Amino acid sequence: MPASSAHQELVLWVARKMTADGFLVLGCDGSSPRDGLWGSLPWPFEVRNRRPDLCGVVPESGEIAIGEAKTSDDIDTPHTRSQLRVFGRMQNRSKEIPCRLYIAVPRSAACSLDRVLADVGLLGARHVSRIHIPDCFIREERYECA
């Protein structure tokens, strides 16, 4: 099933944040009209039969990052919980430190994300970067500003 436009907008926000933090995005799931070069990248690698929306690396250090975009309807699901359990426990081999995990959600869904992160043991984890995007920046009718 193709990703929603809202999901793809959130993927772009994760790619932007990862890039701003020094990661080179190497894999991106899907495409949108405004994704530029990220839309031409190969799919991210699979981890335990789960594929993240994005993956990246800091070329100088080899540090790895995983990116996930979640619409309001996608946050509190068994699939997301399974992904977060796997991705949130990945470690960089060379330094045995956790891989960075970026998660973008609509701002109105931040509390739902916190509940799910708490349930999977990642709430407050220093390697998890939550990105709360104002709903009006996400192109889907129900997120439009009034």
N, C-alpha and C. Protein backbone atom coordinates (compact mmCIF):
# COMPACT_ATOMS: atom_id res chain seq x y z
N MET A 1 0.84 -1.17 0.00
CA MET A 1 0.00 0.00 0.00
C MET A 1 0.89 1.24 0.00
N PRO A 2 0.63 2.22 -0.86
CA PRO A 2 1.48 3.42 -0.90
C PRO A 2 1.33 4.23 0.38
N ALA A 3 2.41 4.90 0.73
CA ALA A 3 2.41 5.73 1.92
C ALA A 3 1.54 6.97 1.69
N SER A 4 0.93 7.45 2.75
CA SER A 4 0.10 8.65 2.64
C SER A 4 0.98 9.88 2.43
N SER A 5 0.38 10.94 1.94
CA SER A 5 1.14 12.18 1.76
C SER A 5 1.62 12.72 3.10
N ALA A 6 0.83 12.54 4.15
CA ALA A 6 1.24 13.00 5.48
C ALA A 6 2.48 12.23 5.93
N HIS A 7 2.49 10.92 5.71
CA HIS A 7 3.65 10.11 6.09
C HIS A 7 4.89 10.58 5.34
N GLN A 8 4.74 10.82 4.04
CA GLN A 8 5.89 11.24 3.24
C GLN A 8 6.39 12.62 3.65
N GLU A 9 5.50 13.51 4.06
CA GLU A 9 5.93 14.81 4.58
C GLU A 9 6.75 14.62 5.84
N LEU A 10 6.32 13.72 6.71
CA LEU A 10 7.06 13.45 7.94
C LEU A 10 8.41 12.83 7.65
N VAL A 11 8.48 11.98 6.64
CA VAL A 11 9.77 11.39 6.24
C VAL A 11 10.76 12.50 5.86
N LEU A 12 10.26 13.50 5.14
CA LEU A 12 11.14 14.61 4.75
C LEU A 12 11.66 15.37 5.97
N TRP A 13 10.82 15.55 6.97
CA TRP A 13 11.28 16.25 8.19
C TRP A 13 12.37 15.44 8.89
N VAL A 14 12.22 14.12 8.92
CA VAL A 14 13.26 13.29 9.53
C VAL A 14 14.56 13.41 8.73
N ALA A 15 14.47 13.33 7.41
CA ALA A 15 15.67 13.45 6.57
C ALA A 15 16.37 14.78 6.81
N ARG A 16 15.60 15.84 6.91
CA ARG A 16 16.19 17.17 7.16
C ARG A 16 16.91 17.21 8.50
N LYS A 17 16.29 16.67 9.53
CA LYS A 17 16.89 16.69 10.87
C LYS A 17 18.14 15.82 10.92
N MET A 18 18.07 14.64 10.32
CA MET A 18 19.26 13.78 10.30
C MET A 18 20.41 14.48 9.59
N THR A 19 20.13 15.11 8.48
CA THR A 19 21.15 15.82 7.72
C THR A 19 21.72 16.98 8.53
N ALA A 20 20.85 17.74 9.19
CA ALA A 20 21.30 18.86 10.02
C ALA A 20 22.20 18.38 11.16
N ASP A 21 21.99 17.15 11.63
CA ASP A 21 22.80 16.59 12.72
C ASP A 21 24.07 15.91 12.22
N GLY A 22 24.34 16.00 10.91
CA GLY A 22 25.59 15.49 10.37
C GLY A 22 25.52 14.12 9.74
N PHE A 23 24.33 13.54 9.65
CA PHE A 23 24.19 12.23 9.03
C PHE A 23 24.01 12.38 7.53
N LEU A 24 24.60 11.46 6.79
CA LEU A 24 24.39 11.34 5.36
C LEU A 24 23.29 10.30 5.18
N VAL A 25 22.16 10.72 4.64
CA VAL A 25 21.05 9.79 4.45
C VAL A 25 21.40 8.86 3.29
N LEU A 26 21.38 7.56 3.57
CA LEU A 26 21.77 6.56 2.57
C LEU A 26 20.59 5.76 2.03
N GLY A 27 19.49 5.75 2.76
CA GLY A 27 18.32 4.99 2.33
C GLY A 27 17.06 5.72 2.72
N CYS A 28 16.07 5.71 1.81
CA CYS A 28 14.82 6.43 2.07
C CYS A 28 13.67 5.64 1.46
N ASP A 29 12.65 5.42 2.25
CA ASP A 29 11.47 4.67 1.83
C ASP A 29 10.46 5.61 1.19
N GLY A 30 10.18 5.40 -0.07
CA GLY A 30 9.15 6.18 -0.74
C GLY A 30 9.67 7.50 -1.27
N SER A 31 8.74 8.26 -1.81
CA SER A 31 9.11 9.55 -2.36
C SER A 31 7.91 10.49 -2.31
N SER A 32 8.21 11.76 -2.42
CA SER A 32 7.17 12.78 -2.48
C SER A 32 7.65 13.84 -3.45
N PRO A 33 6.76 14.73 -3.87
CA PRO A 33 7.16 15.73 -4.87
C PRO A 33 8.30 16.63 -4.42
N ARG A 34 8.52 16.79 -3.12
CA ARG A 34 9.54 17.73 -2.65
C ARG A 34 10.75 17.05 -2.02
N ASP A 35 10.99 15.78 -2.29
CA ASP A 35 12.07 15.10 -1.59
C ASP A 35 13.43 15.22 -2.23
N GLY A 36 13.51 15.82 -3.41
CA GLY A 36 14.81 16.04 -4.04
C GLY A 36 15.60 14.75 -4.20
N LEU A 37 16.87 14.79 -3.87
CA LEU A 37 17.74 13.62 -4.03
C LEU A 37 17.35 12.47 -3.12
N TRP A 38 16.73 12.74 -1.97
CA TRP A 38 16.37 11.67 -1.06
C TRP A 38 15.42 10.68 -1.71
N GLY A 39 14.58 11.14 -2.63
CA GLY A 39 13.63 10.26 -3.30
C GLY A 39 14.27 9.27 -4.25
N SER A 40 15.50 9.52 -4.64
CA SER A 40 16.18 8.62 -5.57
C SER A 40 17.08 7.62 -4.86
N LEU A 41 17.12 7.67 -3.54
CA LEU A 41 17.97 6.76 -2.78
C LEU A 41 17.36 5.35 -2.74
N PRO A 42 18.19 4.35 -2.51
CA PRO A 42 17.64 2.99 -2.37
C PRO A 42 16.85 2.87 -1.06
N TRP A 43 16.11 1.78 -0.97
CA TRP A 43 15.37 1.50 0.26
C TRP A 43 16.36 1.26 1.40
N PRO A 44 15.99 1.63 2.63
CA PRO A 44 16.86 1.33 3.77
C PRO A 44 17.00 -0.19 3.96
N PHE A 45 18.04 -0.58 4.66
CA PHE A 45 18.28 -1.99 4.98
C PHE A 45 17.22 -2.49 5.97
N GLU A 46 17.00 -3.79 5.99
CA GLU A 46 16.08 -4.40 6.94
C GLU A 46 16.83 -4.80 8.20
N VAL A 47 16.13 -4.69 9.32
CA VAL A 47 16.66 -5.12 10.61
C VAL A 47 15.60 -6.04 11.22
N ARG A 48 15.93 -7.29 11.35
CA ARG A 48 14.99 -8.28 11.90
C ARG A 48 13.62 -8.20 11.23
N ASN A 49 13.62 -8.22 9.92
CA ASN A 49 12.40 -8.19 9.11
C ASN A 49 11.59 -6.90 9.26
N ARG A 50 12.23 -5.83 9.68
CA ARG A 50 11.59 -4.53 9.77
C ARG A 50 12.43 -3.53 9.00
N ARG A 51 11.77 -2.74 8.18
CA ARG A 51 12.49 -1.76 7.36
C ARG A 51 12.16 -0.36 7.87
N PRO A 52 13.17 0.42 8.26
CA PRO A 52 12.90 1.80 8.69
C PRO A 52 12.57 2.68 7.49
N ASP A 53 12.06 3.86 7.76
CA ASP A 53 11.79 4.81 6.69
C ASP A 53 13.07 5.43 6.14
N LEU A 54 14.06 5.59 7.01
CA LEU A 54 15.33 6.20 6.61
C LEU A 54 16.48 5.54 7.36
N CYS A 55 17.66 5.59 6.75
CA CYS A 55 18.88 5.21 7.46
C CYS A 55 19.97 6.16 7.01
N GLY A 56 20.90 6.39 7.91
CA GLY A 56 21.99 7.30 7.59
C GLY A 56 23.23 6.98 8.40
N VAL A 57 24.32 7.63 8.04
CA VAL A 57 25.59 7.40 8.69
C VAL A 57 26.36 8.71 8.75
N VAL A 58 27.17 8.87 9.78
CA VAL A 58 28.14 9.96 9.82
C VAL A 58 29.42 9.38 9.21
N PRO A 59 29.80 9.84 8.02
CA PRO A 59 30.93 9.21 7.33
C PRO A 59 32.23 9.18 8.15
N GLU A 60 32.52 10.22 8.88
CA GLU A 60 33.78 10.30 9.63
C GLU A 60 33.84 9.30 10.78
N SER A 61 32.71 9.08 11.46
CA SER A 61 32.73 8.23 12.65
C SER A 61 32.08 6.86 12.44
N GLY A 62 31.26 6.73 11.41
CA GLY A 62 30.55 5.48 11.19
C GLY A 62 29.29 5.35 12.03
N GLU A 63 28.95 6.40 12.79
CA GLU A 63 27.73 6.34 13.60
C GLU A 63 26.51 6.18 12.69
N ILE A 64 25.59 5.32 13.09
CA ILE A 64 24.40 5.02 12.30
C ILE A 64 23.16 5.64 12.94
N ALA A 65 22.23 6.04 12.08
CA ALA A 65 20.94 6.56 12.54
C ALA A 65 19.82 5.90 11.74
N ILE A 66 18.71 5.73 12.41
CA ILE A 66 17.49 5.20 11.83
C ILE A 66 16.42 6.27 11.96
N GLY A 67 15.59 6.42 10.95
CA GLY A 67 14.51 7.41 11.00
C GLY A 67 13.16 6.77 10.76
N GLU A 68 12.18 7.19 11.52
CA GLU A 68 10.80 6.73 11.38
C GLU A 68 9.86 7.91 11.36
N ALA A 69 8.86 7.84 10.49
CA ALA A 69 7.80 8.85 10.41
C ALA A 69 6.49 8.16 10.76
N LYS A 70 5.72 8.77 11.65
CA LYS A 70 4.47 8.16 12.09
C LYS A 70 3.35 9.19 12.08
N THR A 71 2.31 8.90 11.33
CA THR A 71 1.10 9.73 11.39
C THR A 71 0.36 9.37 12.67
N SER A 72 -0.63 10.15 13.02
CA SER A 72 -1.39 9.90 14.25
C SER A 72 -1.94 8.49 14.31
N ASP A 73 -2.41 7.98 13.18
CA ASP A 73 -3.00 6.64 13.14
C ASP A 73 -1.96 5.53 13.22
N ASP A 74 -0.71 5.85 12.97
CA ASP A 74 0.34 4.83 12.93
C ASP A 74 1.12 4.68 14.24
N ILE A 75 0.90 5.55 15.19
CA ILE A 75 1.76 5.56 16.38
C ILE A 75 1.48 4.39 17.31
N ASP A 76 0.26 4.24 17.74
CA ASP A 76 -0.07 3.23 18.75
C ASP A 76 -0.58 1.96 18.08
N THR A 77 0.35 1.26 17.41
CA THR A 77 0.01 0.01 16.73
C THR A 77 1.04 -1.06 17.10
N PRO A 78 0.68 -2.31 16.99
CA PRO A 78 1.66 -3.38 17.24
C PRO A 78 2.88 -3.28 16.31
N HIS A 79 2.65 -2.89 15.06
CA HIS A 79 3.76 -2.75 14.11
C HIS A 79 4.77 -1.71 14.57
N THR A 80 4.27 -0.54 14.98
CA THR A 80 5.16 0.52 15.46
C THR A 80 5.89 0.10 16.72
N ARG A 81 5.19 -0.52 17.64
CA ARG A 81 5.83 -0.98 18.87
C ARG A 81 6.96 -1.96 18.56
N SER A 82 6.69 -2.87 17.63
CA SER A 82 7.71 -3.84 17.23
C SER A 82 8.91 -3.13 16.61
N GLN A 83 8.65 -2.18 15.71
CA GLN A 83 9.74 -1.41 15.10
C GLN A 83 10.57 -0.70 16.16
N LEU A 84 9.91 -0.01 17.07
CA LEU A 84 10.63 0.77 18.08
C LEU A 84 11.44 -0.11 19.00
N ARG A 85 10.93 -1.28 19.34
CA ARG A 85 11.70 -2.21 20.18
C ARG A 85 12.99 -2.62 19.47
N VAL A 86 12.90 -2.90 18.17
CA VAL A 86 14.09 -3.32 17.41
C VAL A 86 15.01 -2.14 17.16
N PHE A 87 14.50 -1.08 16.55
CA PHE A 87 15.34 0.06 16.18
C PHE A 87 15.91 0.78 17.40
N GLY A 88 15.15 0.83 18.48
CA GLY A 88 15.60 1.53 19.68
C GLY A 88 16.69 0.82 20.44
N ARG A 89 16.94 -0.43 20.10
CA ARG A 89 17.97 -1.21 20.79
C ARG A 89 19.17 -1.53 19.89
N MET A 90 19.16 -0.99 18.68
CA MET A 90 20.32 -1.19 17.78
C MET A 90 21.53 -0.45 18.34
N GLN A 91 22.69 -1.04 18.12
CA GLN A 91 23.93 -0.41 18.58
C GLN A 91 24.91 -0.27 17.43
N ASN A 92 25.72 0.78 17.50
CA ASN A 92 26.84 0.94 16.57
C ASN A 92 27.91 -0.08 16.97
N ARG A 93 28.35 -0.86 16.04
CA ARG A 93 29.31 -1.93 16.35
C ARG A 93 30.64 -1.42 16.87
N SER A 94 31.14 -0.38 16.25
CA SER A 94 32.48 0.07 16.60
C SER A 94 32.59 0.66 18.00
N LYS A 95 31.54 1.28 18.47
CA LYS A 95 31.63 1.95 19.76
C LYS A 95 30.67 1.38 20.80
N GLU A 96 29.85 0.40 20.39
CA GLU A 96 28.88 -0.20 21.28
C GLU A 96 28.01 0.84 21.97
N ILE A 97 27.63 1.84 21.21
CA ILE A 97 26.68 2.84 21.69
C ILE A 97 25.40 2.69 20.88
N PRO A 98 24.29 3.11 21.43
CA PRO A 98 23.04 2.97 20.68
C PRO A 98 23.05 3.79 19.39
N CYS A 99 22.43 3.24 18.36
CA CYS A 99 22.22 4.00 17.13
C CYS A 99 21.22 5.11 17.43
N ARG A 100 21.36 6.21 16.80
CA ARG A 100 20.40 7.31 16.96
C ARG A 100 19.10 6.91 16.29
N LEU A 101 17.99 7.18 16.94
CA LEU A 101 16.66 6.90 16.41
C LEU A 101 15.88 8.20 16.36
N TYR A 102 15.49 8.60 15.16
CA TYR A 102 14.69 9.80 14.94
C TYR A 102 13.25 9.38 14.66
N ILE A 103 12.31 10.05 15.31
CA ILE A 103 10.89 9.75 15.10
C ILE A 103 10.15 11.07 14.92
N ALA A 104 9.51 11.24 13.76
CA ALA A 104 8.72 12.44 13.49
C ALA A 104 7.24 12.09 13.57
N VAL A 105 6.49 12.95 14.28
CA VAL A 105 5.04 12.79 14.41
C VAL A 105 4.40 14.18 14.33
N PRO A 106 3.09 14.22 14.00
CA PRO A 106 2.39 15.50 14.10
C PRO A 106 2.40 15.97 15.56
N ARG A 107 2.51 17.27 15.77
CA ARG A 107 2.58 17.82 17.13
C ARG A 107 1.38 17.37 17.98
N SER A 108 0.21 17.26 17.36
CA SER A 108 -0.98 16.85 18.10
C SER A 108 -0.90 15.41 18.59
N ALA A 109 0.05 14.63 18.10
CA ALA A 109 0.18 13.23 18.49
C ALA A 109 1.37 12.99 19.42
N ALA A 110 1.98 14.05 19.92
CA ALA A 110 3.17 13.90 20.76
C ALA A 110 2.90 13.08 22.02
N CYS A 111 1.75 13.26 22.64
CA CYS A 111 1.43 12.49 23.86
C CYS A 111 1.27 11.01 23.55
N SER A 112 0.69 10.69 22.41
CA SER A 112 0.56 9.28 22.01
C SER A 112 1.94 8.66 21.82
N LEU A 113 2.84 9.40 21.19
CA LEU A 113 4.19 8.90 21.01
C LEU A 113 4.86 8.67 22.37
N ASP A 114 4.69 9.60 23.29
CA ASP A 114 5.28 9.43 24.63
C ASP A 114 4.77 8.16 25.31
N ARG A 115 3.47 7.89 25.19
CA ARG A 115 2.92 6.68 25.81
C ARG A 115 3.53 5.42 25.20
N VAL A 116 3.66 5.40 23.89
CA VAL A 116 4.24 4.23 23.21
C VAL A 116 5.72 4.09 23.58
N LEU A 117 6.45 5.20 23.58
CA LEU A 117 7.86 5.14 23.97
C LEU A 117 8.01 4.63 25.40
N ALA A 118 7.14 5.05 26.29
CA ALA A 118 7.18 4.56 27.67
C ALA A 118 6.91 3.06 27.71
N ASP A 119 5.94 2.62 26.96
CA ASP A 119 5.59 1.19 26.94
C ASP A 119 6.71 0.31 26.42
N VAL A 120 7.52 0.81 25.48
CA VAL A 120 8.61 0.00 24.93
C VAL A 120 9.95 0.29 25.60
N GLY A 121 9.93 1.11 26.65
CA GLY A 121 11.14 1.37 27.43
C GLY A 121 12.09 2.39 26.83
N LEU A 122 11.58 3.28 25.97
CA LEU A 122 12.46 4.26 25.33
C LEU A 122 12.16 5.71 25.71
N LEU A 123 11.16 5.95 26.54
CA LEU A 123 10.86 7.32 26.92
C LEU A 123 12.03 7.90 27.70
N GLY A 124 12.54 9.01 27.26
CA GLY A 124 13.67 9.65 27.92
C GLY A 124 15.03 9.12 27.49
N ALA A 125 15.06 8.15 26.58
CA ALA A 125 16.33 7.62 26.10
C ALA A 125 17.08 8.71 25.35
N ARG A 126 18.34 8.89 25.66
CA ARG A 126 19.12 9.98 25.08
C ARG A 126 19.37 9.81 23.60
N HIS A 127 19.31 8.60 23.08
CA HIS A 127 19.57 8.37 21.66
C HIS A 127 18.32 8.47 20.79
N VAL A 128 17.18 8.76 21.40
CA VAL A 128 15.92 8.91 20.66
C VAL A 128 15.62 10.40 20.50
N SER A 129 15.50 10.83 19.25
CA SER A 129 15.18 12.23 18.95
C SER A 129 13.75 12.30 18.45
N ARG A 130 12.89 12.94 19.23
CA ARG A 130 11.49 13.12 18.83
C ARG A 130 11.37 14.43 18.08
N ILE A 131 10.70 14.36 16.93
CA ILE A 131 10.51 15.55 16.10
C ILE A 131 9.01 15.79 16.00
N HIS A 132 8.54 16.85 16.63
CA HIS A 132 7.11 17.18 16.64
C HIS A 132 6.87 18.25 15.58
N ILE A 133 6.16 17.88 14.52
CA ILE A 133 5.92 18.77 13.40
C ILE A 133 4.54 19.43 13.56
N PRO A 134 4.47 20.75 13.50
CA PRO A 134 3.15 21.40 13.57
C PRO A 134 2.20 20.79 12.53
N ASP A 135 1.01 20.48 12.96
CA ASP A 135 0.05 19.78 12.09
C ASP A 135 -0.18 20.51 10.77
N CYS A 136 -0.15 21.82 10.79
CA CYS A 136 -0.44 22.57 9.56
C CYS A 136 0.67 22.45 8.52
N PHE A 137 1.82 21.87 8.88
CA PHE A 137 2.90 21.64 7.92
C PHE A 137 2.81 20.28 7.24
N ILE A 138 1.80 19.52 7.62
CA ILE A 138 1.64 18.17 7.08
C ILE A 138 0.46 18.19 6.12
N ARG A 139 0.72 17.81 4.88
CA ARG A 139 -0.30 17.90 3.84
C ARG A 139 -1.27 16.72 3.91
N GLU A 140 -2.31 16.88 4.68
CA GLU A 140 -3.41 15.95 4.67
C GLU A 140 -4.58 16.72 5.26
N GLU A 141 -5.73 16.56 4.70
CA GLU A 141 -6.86 17.43 5.04
C GLU A 141 -7.12 17.52 6.53
N ARG A 142 -7.03 16.42 7.24
CA ARG A 142 -7.38 16.51 8.65
C ARG A 142 -6.34 17.26 9.48
N TYR A 143 -5.16 17.53 8.91
CA TYR A 143 -4.14 18.28 9.62
C TYR A 143 -4.11 19.75 9.22
N GLU A 144 -4.97 20.15 8.31
CA GLU A 144 -4.96 21.54 7.84
C GLU A 144 -5.30 22.51 8.97
N CYS A 145 -4.62 23.66 8.99
CA CYS A 145 -4.92 24.70 9.96
C CYS A 145 -6.26 25.34 9.62
N ALA A 146 -6.98 25.69 10.65
CA ALA A 146 -8.28 26.34 10.42
C ALA A 146 -8.11 27.80 10.11
